[in-house]
N, C-alpha and C. Protein backbone atom coordinates (compact mmCIF):
# COMPACT_ATOMS: atom_id res chain seq x y z
N LEU A 1 -10.50 0.99 10.59
CA LEU A 1 -10.23 1.17 9.17
C LEU A 1 -10.69 2.55 8.70
N LEU A 2 -11.90 2.93 9.10
CA LEU A 2 -12.44 4.22 8.67
C LEU A 2 -11.62 5.38 9.24
N LEU A 3 -11.15 5.24 10.46
CA LEU A 3 -10.33 6.30 11.06
C LEU A 3 -9.05 6.50 10.27
N ASN A 4 -8.45 5.43 9.78
CA ASN A 4 -7.23 5.54 8.99
C ASN A 4 -7.50 6.17 7.63
N VAL A 5 -8.67 5.92 7.08
CA VAL A 5 -9.05 6.55 5.81
C VAL A 5 -9.21 8.06 6.01
N ILE A 6 -9.83 8.43 7.13
CA ILE A 6 -10.04 9.85 7.43
C ILE A 6 -8.71 10.55 7.69
N ASP A 7 -7.84 9.89 8.46
CA ASP A 7 -6.54 10.47 8.80
C ASP A 7 -5.44 9.41 8.64
N PRO A 8 -4.85 9.31 7.44
CA PRO A 8 -3.80 8.31 7.20
C PRO A 8 -2.58 8.46 8.10
N LYS A 9 -2.42 9.65 8.71
CA LYS A 9 -1.26 9.86 9.58
C LYS A 9 -1.34 9.03 10.87
N ILE A 10 -2.47 8.40 11.11
CA ILE A 10 -2.61 7.52 12.27
C ILE A 10 -1.56 6.41 12.23
N GLY A 11 -1.25 5.95 11.02
CA GLY A 11 -0.17 4.97 10.90
C GLY A 11 -0.59 3.55 10.62
N GLY A 12 -1.79 3.38 10.06
CA GLY A 12 -2.21 2.04 9.67
C GLY A 12 -2.86 1.27 10.81
N VAL A 13 -3.29 0.06 10.48
CA VAL A 13 -3.97 -0.77 11.47
C VAL A 13 -3.59 -2.24 11.29
N MET A 14 -3.41 -2.91 12.40
CA MET A 14 -3.14 -4.35 12.41
C MET A 14 -4.37 -5.07 12.95
N ILE A 15 -4.88 -6.04 12.19
CA ILE A 15 -6.06 -6.79 12.59
C ILE A 15 -5.66 -8.25 12.82
N MET A 16 -5.85 -8.73 14.02
CA MET A 16 -5.52 -10.11 14.35
C MET A 16 -6.78 -10.88 14.71
N GLY A 17 -6.85 -12.12 14.24
CA GLY A 17 -8.01 -12.96 14.55
C GLY A 17 -7.88 -14.31 13.89
N ASP A 18 -8.71 -15.24 14.32
CA ASP A 18 -8.67 -16.59 13.77
C ASP A 18 -9.11 -16.61 12.31
N ARG A 19 -8.78 -17.69 11.63
CA ARG A 19 -9.19 -17.85 10.23
C ARG A 19 -10.72 -17.88 10.15
N GLY A 20 -11.25 -17.21 9.11
CA GLY A 20 -12.69 -17.22 8.90
C GLY A 20 -13.45 -16.16 9.66
N THR A 21 -12.74 -15.18 10.22
CA THR A 21 -13.43 -14.12 10.97
C THR A 21 -13.74 -12.90 10.10
N GLY A 22 -13.44 -12.99 8.82
CA GLY A 22 -13.82 -11.90 7.90
C GLY A 22 -12.83 -10.77 7.81
N LYS A 23 -11.60 -11.01 8.22
CA LYS A 23 -10.59 -9.93 8.19
C LYS A 23 -10.36 -9.45 6.76
N SER A 24 -10.04 -10.38 5.86
CA SER A 24 -9.74 -10.01 4.48
C SER A 24 -10.96 -9.43 3.78
N THR A 25 -12.12 -10.02 4.02
CA THR A 25 -13.36 -9.55 3.39
C THR A 25 -13.65 -8.11 3.80
N THR A 26 -13.48 -7.82 5.07
CA THR A 26 -13.74 -6.47 5.57
C THR A 26 -12.79 -5.45 4.96
N VAL A 27 -11.51 -5.81 4.92
CA VAL A 27 -10.51 -4.89 4.38
C VAL A 27 -10.77 -4.62 2.90
N ARG A 28 -11.01 -5.68 2.13
CA ARG A 28 -11.18 -5.51 0.68
C ARG A 28 -12.47 -4.79 0.31
N SER A 29 -13.45 -4.82 1.21
CA SER A 29 -14.71 -4.11 0.94
C SER A 29 -14.58 -2.62 1.23
N LEU A 30 -13.49 -2.23 1.87
CA LEU A 30 -13.31 -0.83 2.27
C LEU A 30 -13.32 0.12 1.07
N VAL A 31 -12.68 -0.30 -0.03
CA VAL A 31 -12.57 0.59 -1.19
C VAL A 31 -13.92 0.92 -1.80
N ASP A 32 -14.91 0.04 -1.59
CA ASP A 32 -16.25 0.30 -2.14
C ASP A 32 -16.92 1.48 -1.45
N LEU A 33 -16.43 1.84 -0.27
CA LEU A 33 -17.02 2.96 0.48
C LEU A 33 -16.37 4.30 0.16
N LEU A 34 -15.25 4.24 -0.55
CA LEU A 34 -14.45 5.45 -0.73
C LEU A 34 -14.74 6.13 -2.07
N PRO A 35 -14.66 7.46 -2.11
CA PRO A 35 -14.89 8.19 -3.36
C PRO A 35 -13.72 8.02 -4.33
N GLU A 36 -13.96 8.32 -5.58
CA GLU A 36 -12.89 8.28 -6.57
C GLU A 36 -11.91 9.42 -6.32
N ILE A 37 -10.69 9.25 -6.81
CA ILE A 37 -9.68 10.31 -6.70
C ILE A 37 -9.24 10.71 -8.11
N LYS A 38 -8.72 11.92 -8.22
CA LYS A 38 -8.20 12.39 -9.51
C LYS A 38 -6.70 12.12 -9.58
N VAL A 39 -6.28 11.50 -10.67
CA VAL A 39 -4.87 11.17 -10.86
C VAL A 39 -4.42 11.64 -12.24
N VAL A 40 -3.11 11.77 -12.40
CA VAL A 40 -2.55 12.11 -13.71
C VAL A 40 -2.59 10.86 -14.58
N ALA A 41 -3.23 10.95 -15.72
CA ALA A 41 -3.40 9.80 -16.61
C ALA A 41 -2.05 9.23 -17.04
N GLY A 42 -1.94 7.90 -16.96
CA GLY A 42 -0.74 7.23 -17.42
C GLY A 42 0.43 7.27 -16.45
N ASP A 43 0.24 7.87 -15.29
CA ASP A 43 1.34 7.98 -14.33
C ASP A 43 1.35 6.75 -13.42
N PRO A 44 2.49 6.07 -13.28
CA PRO A 44 2.54 4.83 -12.48
C PRO A 44 2.42 5.05 -10.98
N TYR A 45 2.49 6.32 -10.54
CA TYR A 45 2.44 6.61 -9.11
C TYR A 45 1.11 7.21 -8.67
N ASN A 46 0.12 7.23 -9.56
CA ASN A 46 -1.18 7.83 -9.24
C ASN A 46 -1.02 9.26 -8.73
N SER A 47 -0.15 10.01 -9.38
CA SER A 47 0.16 11.37 -8.92
C SER A 47 -1.07 12.26 -8.86
N ASP A 48 -1.13 13.07 -7.81
CA ASP A 48 -2.18 14.07 -7.68
C ASP A 48 -1.86 15.21 -8.65
N PRO A 49 -2.84 15.66 -9.44
CA PRO A 49 -2.57 16.72 -10.41
C PRO A 49 -2.36 18.10 -9.79
N ILE A 50 -2.65 18.24 -8.49
CA ILE A 50 -2.57 19.55 -7.84
C ILE A 50 -1.55 19.59 -6.70
N ASP A 51 -1.58 18.60 -5.82
CA ASP A 51 -0.73 18.60 -4.62
C ASP A 51 0.66 18.04 -4.92
N PRO A 52 1.71 18.89 -4.85
CA PRO A 52 3.08 18.44 -5.16
C PRO A 52 3.57 17.30 -4.27
N GLU A 53 3.06 17.23 -3.04
CA GLU A 53 3.51 16.17 -2.13
C GLU A 53 3.10 14.79 -2.59
N PHE A 54 2.10 14.73 -3.44
CA PHE A 54 1.61 13.44 -3.93
C PHE A 54 1.94 13.25 -5.40
N MET A 55 2.94 13.95 -5.89
CA MET A 55 3.35 13.85 -7.29
C MET A 55 4.66 13.09 -7.42
N GLY A 56 4.77 12.31 -8.49
CA GLY A 56 6.06 11.75 -8.85
C GLY A 56 6.96 12.86 -9.36
N VAL A 57 8.25 12.60 -9.42
CA VAL A 57 9.22 13.63 -9.82
C VAL A 57 8.92 14.16 -11.22
N GLU A 58 8.64 13.27 -12.17
CA GLU A 58 8.41 13.68 -13.56
C GLU A 58 7.17 14.56 -13.68
N VAL A 59 6.09 14.16 -13.00
CA VAL A 59 4.86 14.95 -13.06
C VAL A 59 5.08 16.32 -12.42
N ARG A 60 5.80 16.36 -11.32
CA ARG A 60 6.06 17.64 -10.66
C ARG A 60 6.83 18.58 -11.58
N GLU A 61 7.82 18.04 -12.28
CA GLU A 61 8.60 18.86 -13.21
C GLU A 61 7.72 19.39 -14.34
N ARG A 62 6.81 18.55 -14.83
CA ARG A 62 5.91 18.99 -15.91
C ARG A 62 4.98 20.10 -15.43
N VAL A 63 4.46 19.95 -14.22
CA VAL A 63 3.55 20.95 -13.66
C VAL A 63 4.28 22.26 -13.40
N GLU A 64 5.51 22.17 -12.89
CA GLU A 64 6.29 23.38 -12.61
C GLU A 64 6.63 24.14 -13.89
N LYS A 65 6.71 23.43 -15.01
CA LYS A 65 6.97 24.07 -16.29
C LYS A 65 5.71 24.68 -16.90
N GLY A 66 4.58 24.46 -16.23
CA GLY A 66 3.32 25.02 -16.72
C GLY A 66 2.58 24.12 -17.67
N GLU A 67 3.05 22.89 -17.82
CA GLU A 67 2.39 21.95 -18.73
C GLU A 67 1.05 21.50 -18.14
N LYS A 68 0.06 21.38 -18.98
CA LYS A 68 -1.24 20.90 -18.55
C LYS A 68 -1.26 19.38 -18.65
N VAL A 69 -1.35 18.71 -17.51
CA VAL A 69 -1.29 17.25 -17.51
C VAL A 69 -2.71 16.67 -17.61
N PRO A 70 -2.87 15.56 -18.33
CA PRO A 70 -4.20 14.94 -18.45
C PRO A 70 -4.62 14.31 -17.12
N VAL A 71 -5.88 14.50 -16.76
CA VAL A 71 -6.38 14.03 -15.47
C VAL A 71 -7.57 13.11 -15.66
N ILE A 72 -7.60 12.02 -14.89
CA ILE A 72 -8.75 11.12 -14.91
C ILE A 72 -9.18 10.84 -13.47
N ALA A 73 -10.44 10.41 -13.32
CA ALA A 73 -10.95 9.99 -12.01
C ALA A 73 -10.93 8.47 -11.94
N THR A 74 -10.48 7.94 -10.83
CA THR A 74 -10.37 6.48 -10.70
C THR A 74 -10.62 6.05 -9.26
N LYS A 75 -10.94 4.77 -9.09
CA LYS A 75 -11.12 4.23 -7.75
C LYS A 75 -9.78 4.15 -7.04
N ILE A 76 -9.81 4.27 -5.74
CA ILE A 76 -8.60 4.13 -4.94
C ILE A 76 -8.09 2.70 -5.05
N ASN A 77 -6.79 2.55 -5.25
CA ASN A 77 -6.19 1.23 -5.39
C ASN A 77 -6.15 0.48 -4.06
N MET A 78 -6.52 -0.80 -4.13
CA MET A 78 -6.29 -1.72 -3.02
C MET A 78 -5.24 -2.71 -3.51
N VAL A 79 -4.03 -2.57 -2.99
CA VAL A 79 -2.91 -3.40 -3.45
C VAL A 79 -2.64 -4.50 -2.44
N ASP A 80 -2.71 -5.74 -2.92
CA ASP A 80 -2.41 -6.89 -2.06
C ASP A 80 -0.94 -7.26 -2.19
N LEU A 81 -0.28 -7.44 -1.07
CA LEU A 81 1.12 -7.85 -1.10
C LEU A 81 1.19 -9.34 -0.77
N PRO A 82 1.59 -10.17 -1.76
CA PRO A 82 1.66 -11.61 -1.53
C PRO A 82 2.83 -11.98 -0.63
N LEU A 83 2.69 -13.08 0.09
CA LEU A 83 3.73 -13.50 1.03
C LEU A 83 5.06 -13.77 0.34
N GLY A 84 5.02 -14.28 -0.88
CA GLY A 84 6.26 -14.64 -1.57
C GLY A 84 6.90 -13.50 -2.34
N ALA A 85 6.43 -12.28 -2.15
CA ALA A 85 6.95 -11.14 -2.92
C ALA A 85 8.41 -10.88 -2.59
N THR A 86 9.18 -10.51 -3.63
CA THR A 86 10.59 -10.15 -3.44
C THR A 86 10.69 -8.65 -3.18
N GLU A 87 11.86 -8.21 -2.75
CA GLU A 87 12.07 -6.79 -2.51
C GLU A 87 11.92 -5.99 -3.81
N ASP A 88 12.42 -6.55 -4.93
CA ASP A 88 12.27 -5.87 -6.22
C ASP A 88 10.81 -5.72 -6.60
N ARG A 89 10.01 -6.75 -6.31
CA ARG A 89 8.58 -6.69 -6.64
C ARG A 89 7.88 -5.62 -5.81
N VAL A 90 8.31 -5.47 -4.59
CA VAL A 90 7.68 -4.50 -3.68
C VAL A 90 8.16 -3.08 -3.97
N CYS A 91 9.47 -2.90 -4.05
CA CYS A 91 10.05 -1.56 -4.17
C CYS A 91 10.21 -1.08 -5.60
N GLY A 92 10.33 -2.03 -6.54
CA GLY A 92 10.65 -1.66 -7.91
C GLY A 92 12.12 -1.96 -8.17
N THR A 93 12.49 -1.95 -9.44
CA THR A 93 13.87 -2.28 -9.78
C THR A 93 14.39 -1.37 -10.89
N ILE A 94 15.69 -1.17 -10.88
CA ILE A 94 16.35 -0.33 -11.89
C ILE A 94 17.06 -1.23 -12.90
N ASP A 95 16.83 -0.96 -14.18
CA ASP A 95 17.53 -1.69 -15.24
C ASP A 95 18.92 -1.07 -15.39
N ILE A 96 19.90 -1.68 -14.72
CA ILE A 96 21.26 -1.13 -14.70
C ILE A 96 21.87 -1.07 -16.09
N GLU A 97 21.68 -2.14 -16.86
CA GLU A 97 22.28 -2.19 -18.20
C GLU A 97 21.78 -1.05 -19.08
N LYS A 98 20.48 -0.82 -19.05
CA LYS A 98 19.90 0.25 -19.86
C LYS A 98 20.35 1.61 -19.36
N ALA A 99 20.47 1.74 -18.04
CA ALA A 99 20.91 3.01 -17.46
C ALA A 99 22.34 3.35 -17.89
N LEU A 100 23.19 2.33 -17.94
CA LEU A 100 24.59 2.56 -18.29
C LEU A 100 24.80 2.74 -19.79
N THR A 101 24.07 1.98 -20.60
CA THR A 101 24.28 2.03 -22.05
C THR A 101 23.53 3.18 -22.72
N GLU A 102 22.35 3.51 -22.19
CA GLU A 102 21.53 4.55 -22.82
C GLU A 102 21.47 5.84 -22.02
N GLY A 103 21.99 5.80 -20.80
CA GLY A 103 22.02 7.01 -19.99
C GLY A 103 20.68 7.46 -19.46
N VAL A 104 19.73 6.51 -19.36
CA VAL A 104 18.41 6.86 -18.84
C VAL A 104 18.12 6.03 -17.59
N LYS A 105 17.33 6.59 -16.70
CA LYS A 105 16.95 5.87 -15.49
C LYS A 105 15.76 4.96 -15.80
N ALA A 106 16.05 3.73 -16.20
CA ALA A 106 15.00 2.78 -16.55
C ALA A 106 14.49 2.11 -15.28
N PHE A 107 13.39 2.62 -14.75
CA PHE A 107 12.85 2.13 -13.49
C PHE A 107 11.55 1.38 -13.72
N GLU A 108 11.47 0.18 -13.16
CA GLU A 108 10.23 -0.61 -13.21
C GLU A 108 9.55 -0.49 -11.86
N PRO A 109 8.46 0.29 -11.77
CA PRO A 109 7.81 0.51 -10.47
C PRO A 109 7.30 -0.78 -9.85
N GLY A 110 7.28 -0.82 -8.52
CA GLY A 110 6.79 -1.98 -7.79
C GLY A 110 5.45 -1.72 -7.13
N LEU A 111 5.11 -2.55 -6.17
CA LEU A 111 3.82 -2.45 -5.50
C LEU A 111 3.67 -1.16 -4.69
N LEU A 112 4.78 -0.64 -4.17
CA LEU A 112 4.70 0.61 -3.40
C LEU A 112 4.28 1.78 -4.29
N ALA A 113 4.71 1.75 -5.55
CA ALA A 113 4.30 2.80 -6.49
C ALA A 113 2.80 2.72 -6.76
N LYS A 114 2.33 1.51 -6.97
CA LYS A 114 0.91 1.30 -7.26
C LYS A 114 0.04 1.68 -6.06
N ALA A 115 0.60 1.51 -4.86
CA ALA A 115 -0.17 1.78 -3.64
C ALA A 115 -0.22 3.26 -3.27
N ASN A 116 0.58 4.10 -3.93
CA ASN A 116 0.58 5.52 -3.60
C ASN A 116 -0.83 6.11 -3.71
N ARG A 117 -1.26 6.78 -2.66
CA ARG A 117 -2.59 7.39 -2.55
C ARG A 117 -3.69 6.33 -2.44
N GLY A 118 -3.27 5.11 -2.06
CA GLY A 118 -4.24 4.03 -1.93
C GLY A 118 -4.05 3.26 -0.64
N ILE A 119 -4.37 1.98 -0.71
CA ILE A 119 -4.29 1.09 0.46
C ILE A 119 -3.39 -0.09 0.12
N LEU A 120 -2.46 -0.38 1.01
CA LEU A 120 -1.60 -1.55 0.86
C LEU A 120 -1.99 -2.56 1.93
N TYR A 121 -2.43 -3.72 1.46
CA TYR A 121 -2.93 -4.74 2.39
C TYR A 121 -2.00 -5.94 2.42
N VAL A 122 -1.57 -6.32 3.61
CA VAL A 122 -0.70 -7.48 3.79
C VAL A 122 -1.42 -8.51 4.65
N ASP A 123 -1.92 -9.57 4.01
CA ASP A 123 -2.56 -10.64 4.75
C ASP A 123 -1.48 -11.55 5.33
N GLU A 124 -1.72 -12.06 6.52
CA GLU A 124 -0.73 -12.90 7.22
C GLU A 124 0.61 -12.17 7.35
N VAL A 125 0.54 -10.93 7.78
CA VAL A 125 1.75 -10.11 7.91
C VAL A 125 2.74 -10.71 8.90
N ASN A 126 2.24 -11.51 9.82
CA ASN A 126 3.13 -12.15 10.80
C ASN A 126 4.00 -13.24 10.17
N LEU A 127 3.69 -13.63 8.91
CA LEU A 127 4.50 -14.63 8.21
C LEU A 127 5.41 -13.99 7.17
N LEU A 128 5.32 -12.68 7.00
CA LEU A 128 6.11 -11.98 5.99
C LEU A 128 7.56 -11.86 6.45
N ASP A 129 8.48 -11.89 5.49
CA ASP A 129 9.90 -11.75 5.78
C ASP A 129 10.15 -10.45 6.56
N ASP A 130 10.96 -10.54 7.61
CA ASP A 130 11.21 -9.38 8.48
C ASP A 130 11.74 -8.17 7.71
N HIS A 131 12.62 -8.43 6.75
CA HIS A 131 13.21 -7.32 5.99
C HIS A 131 12.14 -6.59 5.17
N LEU A 132 11.22 -7.34 4.56
CA LEU A 132 10.16 -6.71 3.77
C LEU A 132 9.23 -5.91 4.67
N VAL A 133 8.97 -6.43 5.85
CA VAL A 133 8.12 -5.70 6.80
C VAL A 133 8.76 -4.36 7.14
N ASP A 134 10.06 -4.36 7.38
CA ASP A 134 10.77 -3.12 7.69
C ASP A 134 10.70 -2.13 6.53
N VAL A 135 10.84 -2.64 5.30
CA VAL A 135 10.75 -1.79 4.11
C VAL A 135 9.37 -1.13 4.03
N LEU A 136 8.33 -1.92 4.25
CA LEU A 136 6.96 -1.39 4.19
C LEU A 136 6.73 -0.32 5.25
N LEU A 137 7.15 -0.62 6.46
CA LEU A 137 6.92 0.31 7.56
C LEU A 137 7.72 1.60 7.39
N ASP A 138 8.93 1.49 6.87
CA ASP A 138 9.74 2.69 6.63
C ASP A 138 9.10 3.57 5.57
N SER A 139 8.60 2.95 4.49
CA SER A 139 7.95 3.72 3.42
C SER A 139 6.65 4.35 3.92
N ALA A 140 5.91 3.59 4.71
CA ALA A 140 4.65 4.11 5.24
C ALA A 140 4.90 5.31 6.14
N ALA A 141 5.99 5.26 6.90
CA ALA A 141 6.30 6.35 7.83
C ALA A 141 6.82 7.59 7.12
N SER A 142 7.66 7.39 6.09
CA SER A 142 8.29 8.53 5.41
C SER A 142 7.45 9.07 4.25
N GLY A 143 6.61 8.20 3.67
CA GLY A 143 5.82 8.62 2.51
C GLY A 143 6.58 8.55 1.20
N TRP A 144 7.81 8.00 1.24
CA TRP A 144 8.63 7.90 0.03
C TRP A 144 9.31 6.54 -0.04
N ASN A 145 9.54 6.09 -1.26
CA ASN A 145 10.29 4.87 -1.50
C ASN A 145 11.52 5.21 -2.34
N THR A 146 12.68 4.78 -1.89
CA THR A 146 13.92 5.04 -2.62
C THR A 146 14.58 3.72 -2.99
N VAL A 147 14.90 3.58 -4.28
CA VAL A 147 15.57 2.38 -4.78
C VAL A 147 16.96 2.78 -5.24
N GLU A 148 17.97 2.10 -4.73
CA GLU A 148 19.36 2.40 -5.10
C GLU A 148 20.04 1.14 -5.62
N ARG A 149 20.63 1.25 -6.80
CA ARG A 149 21.38 0.15 -7.39
C ARG A 149 22.60 0.70 -8.10
N GLU A 150 23.77 0.19 -7.77
CA GLU A 150 25.01 0.54 -8.47
C GLU A 150 25.20 2.06 -8.59
N GLY A 151 24.92 2.78 -7.53
CA GLY A 151 25.13 4.23 -7.55
C GLY A 151 24.01 5.03 -8.17
N ILE A 152 22.98 4.35 -8.67
CA ILE A 152 21.82 5.03 -9.27
C ILE A 152 20.69 5.02 -8.25
N SER A 153 20.08 6.18 -8.03
CA SER A 153 19.03 6.30 -7.02
C SER A 153 17.77 6.91 -7.63
N ILE A 154 16.64 6.29 -7.33
CA ILE A 154 15.34 6.80 -7.79
C ILE A 154 14.38 6.81 -6.62
N SER A 155 13.66 7.93 -6.46
CA SER A 155 12.68 8.05 -5.38
C SER A 155 11.31 8.39 -5.95
N HIS A 156 10.29 7.93 -5.28
CA HIS A 156 8.92 8.28 -5.70
C HIS A 156 8.03 8.29 -4.46
N PRO A 157 6.91 9.02 -4.51
CA PRO A 157 6.00 9.07 -3.37
C PRO A 157 5.38 7.70 -3.11
N ALA A 158 5.25 7.35 -1.85
CA ALA A 158 4.62 6.08 -1.46
C ALA A 158 3.78 6.34 -0.22
N ARG A 159 2.75 7.16 -0.42
CA ARG A 159 1.87 7.52 0.69
C ARG A 159 0.62 6.64 0.61
N PHE A 160 0.53 5.71 1.53
CA PHE A 160 -0.57 4.75 1.50
C PHE A 160 -1.02 4.42 2.92
N ILE A 161 -2.20 3.85 3.00
CA ILE A 161 -2.70 3.34 4.28
C ILE A 161 -2.27 1.88 4.38
N LEU A 162 -1.50 1.56 5.39
CA LEU A 162 -1.00 0.19 5.55
C LEU A 162 -1.92 -0.59 6.48
N ILE A 163 -2.44 -1.69 5.96
CA ILE A 163 -3.31 -2.56 6.74
C ILE A 163 -2.71 -3.96 6.75
N GLY A 164 -2.52 -4.49 7.93
CA GLY A 164 -2.01 -5.84 8.06
C GLY A 164 -3.01 -6.70 8.81
N SER A 165 -3.03 -7.99 8.49
CA SER A 165 -3.88 -8.91 9.23
C SER A 165 -3.13 -10.20 9.44
N GLY A 166 -3.53 -10.95 10.44
CA GLY A 166 -2.84 -12.20 10.72
C GLY A 166 -3.62 -13.10 11.65
N ASN A 167 -3.26 -14.37 11.61
CA ASN A 167 -3.85 -15.37 12.48
C ASN A 167 -2.80 -15.74 13.52
N PRO A 168 -3.04 -15.45 14.79
CA PRO A 168 -2.03 -15.72 15.82
C PRO A 168 -1.63 -17.18 15.92
N GLU A 169 -2.47 -18.09 15.42
CA GLU A 169 -2.15 -19.51 15.48
C GLU A 169 -1.08 -19.90 14.46
N GLU A 170 -0.86 -19.03 13.46
CA GLU A 170 0.07 -19.37 12.38
C GLU A 170 1.43 -18.71 12.54
N GLY A 171 1.62 -17.98 13.60
CA GLY A 171 2.92 -17.35 13.80
C GLY A 171 2.82 -16.17 14.75
N GLU A 172 3.82 -16.03 15.58
CA GLU A 172 3.84 -14.93 16.53
C GLU A 172 4.12 -13.60 15.83
N LEU A 173 3.57 -12.55 16.37
CA LEU A 173 3.78 -11.21 15.83
C LEU A 173 4.88 -10.53 16.64
N ARG A 174 5.91 -10.07 15.96
CA ARG A 174 7.01 -9.41 16.67
C ARG A 174 6.50 -8.16 17.39
N PRO A 175 6.86 -7.99 18.66
CA PRO A 175 6.41 -6.80 19.41
C PRO A 175 6.81 -5.50 18.72
N GLN A 176 8.03 -5.46 18.15
CA GLN A 176 8.47 -4.23 17.48
C GLN A 176 7.67 -3.94 16.22
N LEU A 177 7.09 -5.00 15.62
CA LEU A 177 6.24 -4.81 14.45
C LEU A 177 4.91 -4.20 14.88
N LEU A 178 4.33 -4.75 15.91
CA LEU A 178 3.05 -4.24 16.41
C LEU A 178 3.17 -2.79 16.85
N ASP A 179 4.31 -2.44 17.43
CA ASP A 179 4.52 -1.08 17.92
C ASP A 179 4.48 -0.04 16.81
N ARG A 180 4.77 -0.47 15.57
CA ARG A 180 4.87 0.50 14.47
C ARG A 180 3.56 0.68 13.71
N PHE A 181 2.54 -0.04 14.10
CA PHE A 181 1.20 0.20 13.54
C PHE A 181 0.48 1.17 14.47
N GLY A 182 -0.24 2.12 13.88
CA GLY A 182 -0.93 3.12 14.68
C GLY A 182 -2.05 2.56 15.52
N MET A 183 -2.72 1.52 14.99
CA MET A 183 -3.86 0.95 15.71
C MET A 183 -3.79 -0.57 15.63
N HIS A 184 -4.42 -1.21 16.59
CA HIS A 184 -4.46 -2.67 16.63
C HIS A 184 -5.87 -3.11 16.97
N ALA A 185 -6.38 -4.08 16.22
CA ALA A 185 -7.73 -4.59 16.47
C ALA A 185 -7.70 -6.11 16.58
N GLN A 186 -8.49 -6.62 17.50
CA GLN A 186 -8.63 -8.07 17.67
C GLN A 186 -10.06 -8.45 17.31
N VAL A 187 -10.23 -9.41 16.41
CA VAL A 187 -11.57 -9.83 16.01
C VAL A 187 -11.80 -11.28 16.44
N GLY A 188 -13.05 -11.57 16.78
CA GLY A 188 -13.40 -12.92 17.22
C GLY A 188 -14.31 -13.60 16.21
N THR A 189 -14.45 -14.89 16.35
CA THR A 189 -15.28 -15.67 15.44
C THR A 189 -16.76 -15.48 15.79
N VAL A 190 -17.57 -15.22 14.76
CA VAL A 190 -19.02 -15.13 14.94
C VAL A 190 -19.57 -16.56 14.98
N ARG A 191 -20.16 -16.95 16.09
CA ARG A 191 -20.61 -18.33 16.25
C ARG A 191 -22.11 -18.50 16.06
N ASP A 192 -22.84 -17.40 16.06
CA ASP A 192 -24.29 -17.47 15.86
C ASP A 192 -24.58 -17.77 14.39
N ALA A 193 -25.27 -18.89 14.12
CA ALA A 193 -25.51 -19.34 12.74
C ALA A 193 -26.32 -18.32 11.94
N ASP A 194 -27.35 -17.76 12.54
CA ASP A 194 -28.19 -16.79 11.83
C ASP A 194 -27.40 -15.55 11.44
N LEU A 195 -26.54 -15.10 12.34
CA LEU A 195 -25.74 -13.92 12.06
C LEU A 195 -24.72 -14.20 10.96
N ARG A 196 -24.16 -15.40 10.94
CA ARG A 196 -23.21 -15.77 9.88
C ARG A 196 -23.89 -15.76 8.52
N VAL A 197 -25.11 -16.28 8.48
CA VAL A 197 -25.88 -16.29 7.23
C VAL A 197 -26.17 -14.87 6.78
N LYS A 198 -26.53 -14.01 7.72
CA LYS A 198 -26.83 -12.61 7.39
C LYS A 198 -25.60 -11.91 6.82
N ILE A 199 -24.43 -12.18 7.41
CA ILE A 199 -23.19 -11.57 6.92
C ILE A 199 -22.91 -11.98 5.48
N VAL A 200 -23.07 -13.27 5.20
CA VAL A 200 -22.83 -13.79 3.84
C VAL A 200 -23.81 -13.16 2.85
N GLU A 201 -25.08 -13.06 3.25
CA GLU A 201 -26.09 -12.50 2.36
C GLU A 201 -25.82 -11.03 2.05
N GLU A 202 -25.39 -10.27 3.05
CA GLU A 202 -25.12 -8.85 2.84
C GLU A 202 -23.89 -8.64 1.97
N ARG A 203 -22.95 -9.56 2.03
CA ARG A 203 -21.72 -9.44 1.23
C ARG A 203 -21.96 -9.87 -0.22
N ALA A 204 -22.94 -10.75 -0.44
CA ALA A 204 -23.19 -11.30 -1.79
C ALA A 204 -23.74 -10.25 -2.73
């Protein structure tokens, strides 16, 4: 996990292990170790106020015009992707009616927008719909998410650390899925009672 934080280009990490081995707890505690980042206030993509590669299109245009954008410091987002999420919920959706009647690109950002410059966590990734897995992996690899509806196209940065976890007893992991994660970790159950108590106490 720490290696991916240091170098996100590693390509994420897949953690497999039985239920109760602390996979989710470990992942969610990661953000507590990370420093705050500076983002453009009010921007749905957590745009970096300086680096154009981490800016949404609108923020980049404002910066290129010389506009001074408001900046705030915030914790890095940890975005959980639920198993029942739809493609629109993940990628975002375009309001076609508003786009056609008012001539504006009415885009409702999804989880990929929120995860930009943060961490996207998928628990039980081996149970996630294959198509959604492909969408996540493609965005993680390219650093961008593109939504197209009825000839209207909107793109935004989606640079995040992808972390997946799963229980092998609840479903097989596709080999091609595992191949697209930069790292893979296998965790085992802690059976020593004293050590389990210590883990709980340190987390409390």
